[in-house]
Amino acid sequence: MKINDKIRFFRGLKGWSQEEMAEKLNMSLGGYSNIERGETNVQFSRLEQISKVLDVKLSDLTDLDETSFRIFLAGNNNVENQVTISSSDEQLRDKIEQQQKEIIYLKQEVNYLKEIMTFKERLKR
């Protein structure tokens, strides 16, 4: 998942609109919308601000933490790298919990989009 998608996801978990998020970041709605659409490169300082407002770790937005890096390395079929993951059980549980929340949110978004498509099809009749 890209950074902009993660920002949108975490904002959705908070139940905030884009307008509310832009206000919390002291920026224009258009500027914030560009971030969520991935149409602008976000400066590191802005990512730090977003992570604070959303109350998430910066690494949750960027996936540049040690755990993610080691999991990425494990994908190269090197058994030695596969056993070097050093996360604590708590960190792994937190990551799993966060991903489960993400799955729930994405399922809700899919259902919402299906409803829109069904509504549009009804209008065509």
C-alpha atoms as a PDB file:
ATOM      1  CA  MET A   1       0.000   0.000   0.000  1.00  0.00           C
ATOM      2  CA  LYS A   2       1.344   3.422  -0.961  1.00  0.00           C
ATOM      3  CA  ILE A   3       1.890   6.213   1.552  1.00  0.00           C
ATOM      4  CA  ASN A   4      -1.050   8.247   0.255  1.00  0.00           C
ATOM      5  CA  ASP A   5      -3.347   5.219   0.626  1.00  0.00           C
ATOM      6  CA  LYS A   6      -2.123   4.670   4.176  1.00  0.00           C
ATOM      7  CA  ILE A   7      -2.769   8.296   5.071  1.00  0.00           C
ATOM      8  CA  ARG A   8      -6.316   8.019   3.684  1.00  0.00           C
ATOM      9  CA  PHE A   9      -6.797   4.720   5.542  1.00  0.00           C
ATOM     10  CA  PHE A  10      -5.686   6.087   8.924  1.00  0.00           C
ATOM     11  CA  ARG A  11      -7.772   9.236   8.405  1.00  0.00           C
ATOM     12  CA  GLY A  12     -10.748   6.996   7.691  1.00  0.00           C
ATOM     13  CA  LEU A  13     -10.159   5.090  10.911  1.00  0.00           C
ATOM     14  CA  LYS A  14     -10.391   8.389  12.784  1.00  0.00           C
ATOM     15  CA  GLY A  15     -13.638   9.181  10.983  1.00  0.00           C
ATOM     16  CA  TRP A  16     -12.286  12.525   9.781  1.00  0.00           C
ATOM     17  CA  SER A  17     -13.125  14.179   6.483  1.00  0.00           C
ATOM     18  CA  GLN A  18     -10.410  15.525   4.223  1.00  0.00           C
ATOM     19  CA  GLU A  19     -11.489  19.007   5.277  1.00  0.00           C
ATOM     20  CA  GLU A  20     -10.966  18.166   8.958  1.00  0.00           C
ATOM     21  CA  MET A  21      -7.570  16.645   8.246  1.00  0.00           C
ATOM     22  CA  ALA A  22      -6.460  19.634   6.169  1.00  0.00           C
ATOM     23  CA  GLU A  23      -7.511  21.934   9.001  1.00  0.00           C
ATOM     24  CA  LYS A  24      -5.575  19.896  11.579  1.00  0.00           C
ATOM     25  CA  LEU A  25      -2.496  20.124   9.335  1.00  0.00           C
ATOM     26  CA  ASN A  26      -3.055  23.851   8.746  1.00  0.00           C
ATOM     27  CA  MET A  27      -3.109  23.419   4.977  1.00  0.00           C
ATOM     28  CA  SER A  28      -5.560  23.903   2.137  1.00  0.00           C
ATOM     29  CA  LEU A  29      -8.073  21.218   1.257  1.00  0.00           C
ATOM     30  CA  GLY A  30      -6.671  21.061  -2.273  1.00  0.00           C
ATOM     31  CA  GLY A  31      -3.136  20.572  -0.987  1.00  0.00           C
ATOM     32  CA  TYR A  32      -4.221  17.809   1.356  1.00  0.00           C
ATOM     33  CA  SER A  33      -6.355  16.156  -1.329  1.00  0.00           C
ATOM     34  CA  ASN A  34      -3.307  16.067  -3.598  1.00  0.00           C
ATOM     35  CA  ILE A  35      -1.437  14.167  -0.881  1.00  0.00           C
ATOM     36  CA  GLU A  36      -4.174  11.538  -0.569  1.00  0.00           C
ATOM     37  CA  ARG A  37      -4.400  11.138  -4.336  1.00  0.00           C
ATOM     38  CA  GLY A  38      -0.628  10.695  -4.534  1.00  0.00           C
ATOM     39  CA  GLU A  39      -0.319  13.685  -6.849  1.00  0.00           C
ATOM     40  CA  THR A  40       2.360  15.399  -4.800  1.00  0.00           C
ATOM     41  CA  ASN A  41       5.596  14.311  -3.181  1.00  0.00           C
ATOM     42  CA  VAL A  42       5.219  14.724   0.552  1.00  0.00           C
ATOM     43  CA  GLN A  43       8.148  16.257   2.386  1.00  0.00           C
ATOM     44  CA  PHE A  44       9.483  14.321   5.361  1.00  0.00           C
ATOM     45  CA  SER A  45       8.525  17.120   7.753  1.00  0.00           C
ATOM     46  CA  ARG A  46       4.926  16.948   6.474  1.00  0.00           C
ATOM     47  CA  LEU A  47       4.890  13.153   6.927  1.00  0.00           C
ATOM     48  CA  GLU A  48       6.049  13.646  10.511  1.00  0.00           C
ATOM     49  CA  GLN A  49       3.231  16.140  11.064  1.00  0.00           C
ATOM     50  CA  ILE A  50       0.662  13.780   9.510  1.00  0.00           C
ATOM     51  CA  SER A  51       1.813  10.873  11.670  1.00  0.00           C
ATOM     52  CA  LYS A  52       1.463  13.024  14.798  1.00  0.00           C
ATOM     53  CA  VAL A  53      -2.010  14.241  13.855  1.00  0.00           C
ATOM     54  CA  LEU A  54      -3.130  10.684  13.074  1.00  0.00           C
ATOM     55  CA  ASP A  55      -1.394   9.380  16.206  1.00  0.00           C
ATOM     56  CA  VAL A  56       0.492   6.675  14.298  1.00  0.00           C
ATOM     57  CA  LYS A  57       4.169   5.899  14.039  1.00  0.00           C
ATOM     58  CA  LEU A  58       5.937   7.399  11.048  1.00  0.00           C
ATOM     59  CA  SER A  59       7.043   3.887  10.137  1.00  0.00           C
ATOM     60  CA  ASP A  60       3.361   2.875   9.843  1.00  0.00           C
ATOM     61  CA  LEU A  61       3.071   5.352   6.976  1.00  0.00           C
ATOM     62  CA  THR A  62       6.397   4.621   5.327  1.00  0.00           C
ATOM     63  CA  ASP A  63       7.136   0.960   6.133  1.00  0.00           C
ATOM     64  CA  LEU A  64      10.782   1.866   6.582  1.00  0.00           C
ATOM     65  CA  ASP A  65      11.118   0.315  10.017  1.00  0.00           C
ATOM     66  CA  GLU A  66      13.552  -2.513  10.721  1.00  0.00           C
ATOM     67  CA  THR A  67      10.853  -5.168  10.771  1.00  0.00           C
ATOM     68  CA  SER A  68       9.509  -4.263   7.346  1.00  0.00           C
ATOM     69  CA  PHE A  69      13.010  -4.081   5.934  1.00  0.00           C
ATOM     70  CA  ARG A  70      13.828  -7.545   7.200  1.00  0.00           C
ATOM     71  CA  ILE A  71      10.554  -8.980   5.979  1.00  0.00           C
ATOM     72  CA  PHE A  72      11.327  -7.464   2.573  1.00  0.00           C
ATOM     73  CA  LEU A  73      14.730  -9.137   2.601  1.00  0.00           C
ATOM     74  CA  ALA A  74      13.115 -12.457   3.475  1.00  0.00           C
ATOM     75  CA  GLY A  75      11.337 -12.337   0.137  1.00  0.00           C
ATOM     76  CA  ASN A  76      14.554 -13.155  -1.667  1.00  0.00           C
ATOM     77  CA  ASN A  77      14.325 -16.853  -0.640  1.00  0.00           C
ATOM     78  CA  ASN A  78      17.454 -16.608   1.493  1.00  0.00           C
ATOM     79  CA  VAL A  79      16.792 -18.789   4.539  1.00  0.00           C
ATOM     80  CA  GLU A  80      19.324 -16.860   6.608  1.00  0.00           C
ATOM     81  CA  ASN A  81      17.372 -13.626   6.103  1.00  0.00           C
ATOM     82  CA  GLN A  82      14.076 -15.360   6.795  1.00  0.00           C
ATOM     83  CA  VAL A  83      15.116 -16.115  10.374  1.00  0.00           C
ATOM     84  CA  THR A  84      16.501 -12.653  11.165  1.00  0.00           C
ATOM     85  CA  ILE A  85      13.149 -10.978  11.822  1.00  0.00           C
ATOM     86  CA  SER A  86      13.600  -9.500  15.266  1.00  0.00           C
ATOM     87  CA  SER A  87      10.216  -8.069  16.142  1.00  0.00           C
ATOM     88  CA  SER A  88       8.761  -8.784  19.514  1.00  0.00           C
ATOM     89  CA  ASP A  89       5.495 -10.697  19.719  1.00  0.00           C
ATOM     90  CA  GLU A  90       3.792  -7.453  20.746  1.00  0.00           C
ATOM     91  CA  GLN A  91       5.059  -5.618  17.670  1.00  0.00           C
ATOM     92  CA  LEU A  92       3.852  -8.406  15.417  1.00  0.00           C
ATOM     93  CA  ARG A  93       0.454  -8.482  17.132  1.00  0.00           C
ATOM     94  CA  ASP A  94       0.167  -4.708  16.685  1.00  0.00           C
ATOM     95  CA  LYS A  95       1.043  -4.993  13.015  1.00  0.00           C
ATOM     96  CA  ILE A  96      -1.487  -7.810  12.506  1.00  0.00           C
ATOM     97  CA  GLU A  97      -4.175  -5.830  14.342  1.00  0.00           C
ATOM     98  CA  GLN A  98      -3.480  -2.762  12.196  1.00  0.00           C
ATOM     99  CA  GLN A  99      -3.655  -4.835   9.019  1.00  0.00           C
ATOM    100  CA  GLN A 100      -6.935  -6.390  10.143  1.00  0.00           C
ATOM    101  CA  LYS A 101      -8.370  -2.907  10.641  1.00  0.00           C
ATOM    102  CA  GLU A 102      -7.112  -2.001   7.185  1.00  0.00           C
ATOM    103  CA  ILE A 103      -8.844  -5.055   5.685  1.00  0.00           C
ATOM    104  CA  ILE A 104     -12.132  -4.125   7.383  1.00  0.00           C
ATOM    105  CA  TYR A 105     -11.873  -0.562   6.101  1.00  0.00           C
ATOM    106  CA  LEU A 106     -11.103  -1.701   2.555  1.00  0.00           C
ATOM    107  CA  LYS A 107     -14.019  -4.159   2.595  1.00  0.00           C
ATOM    108  CA  GLN A 108     -16.308  -1.317   3.671  1.00  0.00           C
ATOM    109  CA  GLU A 109     -14.961   0.825   0.853  1.00  0.00           C
ATOM    110  CA  VAL A 110     -15.564  -1.977  -1.688  1.00  0.00           C
ATOM    111  CA  ASN A 111     -19.143  -2.409  -0.460  1.00  0.00           C
ATOM    112  CA  TYR A 112     -19.718   1.330  -0.689  1.00  0.00           C
ATOM    113  CA  LEU A 113     -18.427   1.397  -4.272  1.00  0.00           C
ATOM    114  CA  LYS A 114     -20.636  -1.571  -5.166  1.00  0.00           C
ATOM    115  CA  GLU A 115     -23.644   0.307  -3.784  1.00  0.00           C
ATOM    116  CA  ILE A 116     -22.774   3.318  -5.928  1.00  0.00           C
ATOM    117  CA  MET A 117     -22.510   1.151  -9.030  1.00  0.00           C
ATOM    118  CA  THR A 118     -25.847  -0.542  -8.263  1.00  0.00           C
ATOM    119  CA  PHE A 119     -27.469   2.851  -7.763  1.00  0.00           C
ATOM    120  CA  LYS A 120     -26.077   4.126 -11.076  1.00  0.00           C
ATOM    121  CA  GLU A 121     -27.337   1.021 -12.873  1.00  0.00           C
ATOM    122  CA  ARG A 122     -30.816   1.608 -11.449  1.00  0.00           C
ATOM    123  CA  LEU A 123     -30.767   5.186 -12.692  1.00  0.00           C
ATOM    124  CA  LYS A 124     -29.985   4.011 -16.222  1.00  0.00           C
ATOM    125  CA  ARG A 125     -33.186   1.929 -16.350  1.00  0.00           C
END
